[in-house]
Amino acid sequence: MSSTRTIAIVGAGLVGTPIARALLNAPTKPKVIILTRPESSGKALPDDISSIATIPVDYSDVAAVTKVFKDHSVDVVVSTLPTAGFEAQYSLANAAQASGTIKLFVPSEWGIPTEGAKANGEDNFFAKKDEFVEHLKSIKLPFTRFYTGFFFGGLRWIAGIEENGKVNTYGKGESKFSATSESDIGGYTAHVLTALPLDSPHLVNKSLRLEGDRVNFQDLARIYGKPLAYVPDGEKLPGSTDGEIFFRTYLQVEAEAGRASSGWNRKAGKDDGTAGSTNGLWEGHVWDKVQA
């Protein structure tokens, strides 16, 4: 394995930052660059990753992005784009394919499993993510999906704790879901992208199903020491804006139905028990557990 593997992270936000941090500490010392939108180029990176070169580029400009990939001999692209900027991934993928250097493309998943959403006829952002992978297949660009369940840092928000001091649950709060800490997501991603060959059968066109912890909303009430508030079907979860209420409710509906497990199989409509099945690729790691 070459020690000069180059990994380009698109975006340095909630997911990109811990991945960048872990890559800097990877034993193989890969070269890391961060692509940012030109309008975001003035934002400083956290001090501990400030040594990473940031390259402002218009994600929709295929020729410009292709040049960046070629100039830096990029091997892996890791997209951490949020839902609002998701469409830009098509240009990034086309640039990756055109560059001739990219061996693996990591689409922006980082959450609930999306595989099969398009075939199921869903009309949501899960289907949009699934449809994008069909594009990667069509241009024969190898990919790896990372399914993580909910982020630890988002659990209090999903439960609406800051709204009324309670763990609000849309349903009985009994369905278990996957949750993984941001640091574990970053560490795991960095490990498999640097320790494994990029043509490894563990990576190429595979879905990696992480799970740091497996909890439900009743567990969260116990862990956080907060009362549990049941929100009846048809009523709204607490929130400051309509958008916040909608998204929080949407995620809780997914959790109540069991679909927030990283082992959820959308095609079969059930949890097939694969949550955390690829944790072992990070051999010997002790995974974080949800704490107050």
Foldseek 3Di string as FASTA:
>chain_A
DALAAEEEEEDCPLQNVLLLLLLCVDPSNYQYAYEYAPVCVVDADPPSNNVHHYDHDDLQPLVGLLVVCQVSLHAEYEYQDDLVPQVSVLSNLSSLLVNVRYQEYEHRDAAFALACVCVVVHDDVSNVSNVVVVVCVVSVRWYEYEYAFAELVCQCLLQVCVVPNAREAAPPQPFKAAYAYSNVSSNVVSCCVPVDPSPDPCGTNYYHAEGLEIGTSVVVCVQVVTHYHYDYPPDWDDDDDPVSRVVSVVSNVCRVQNRSHSQQDPNVSGRPPCHRVRVCSPPPDRGDDRHD
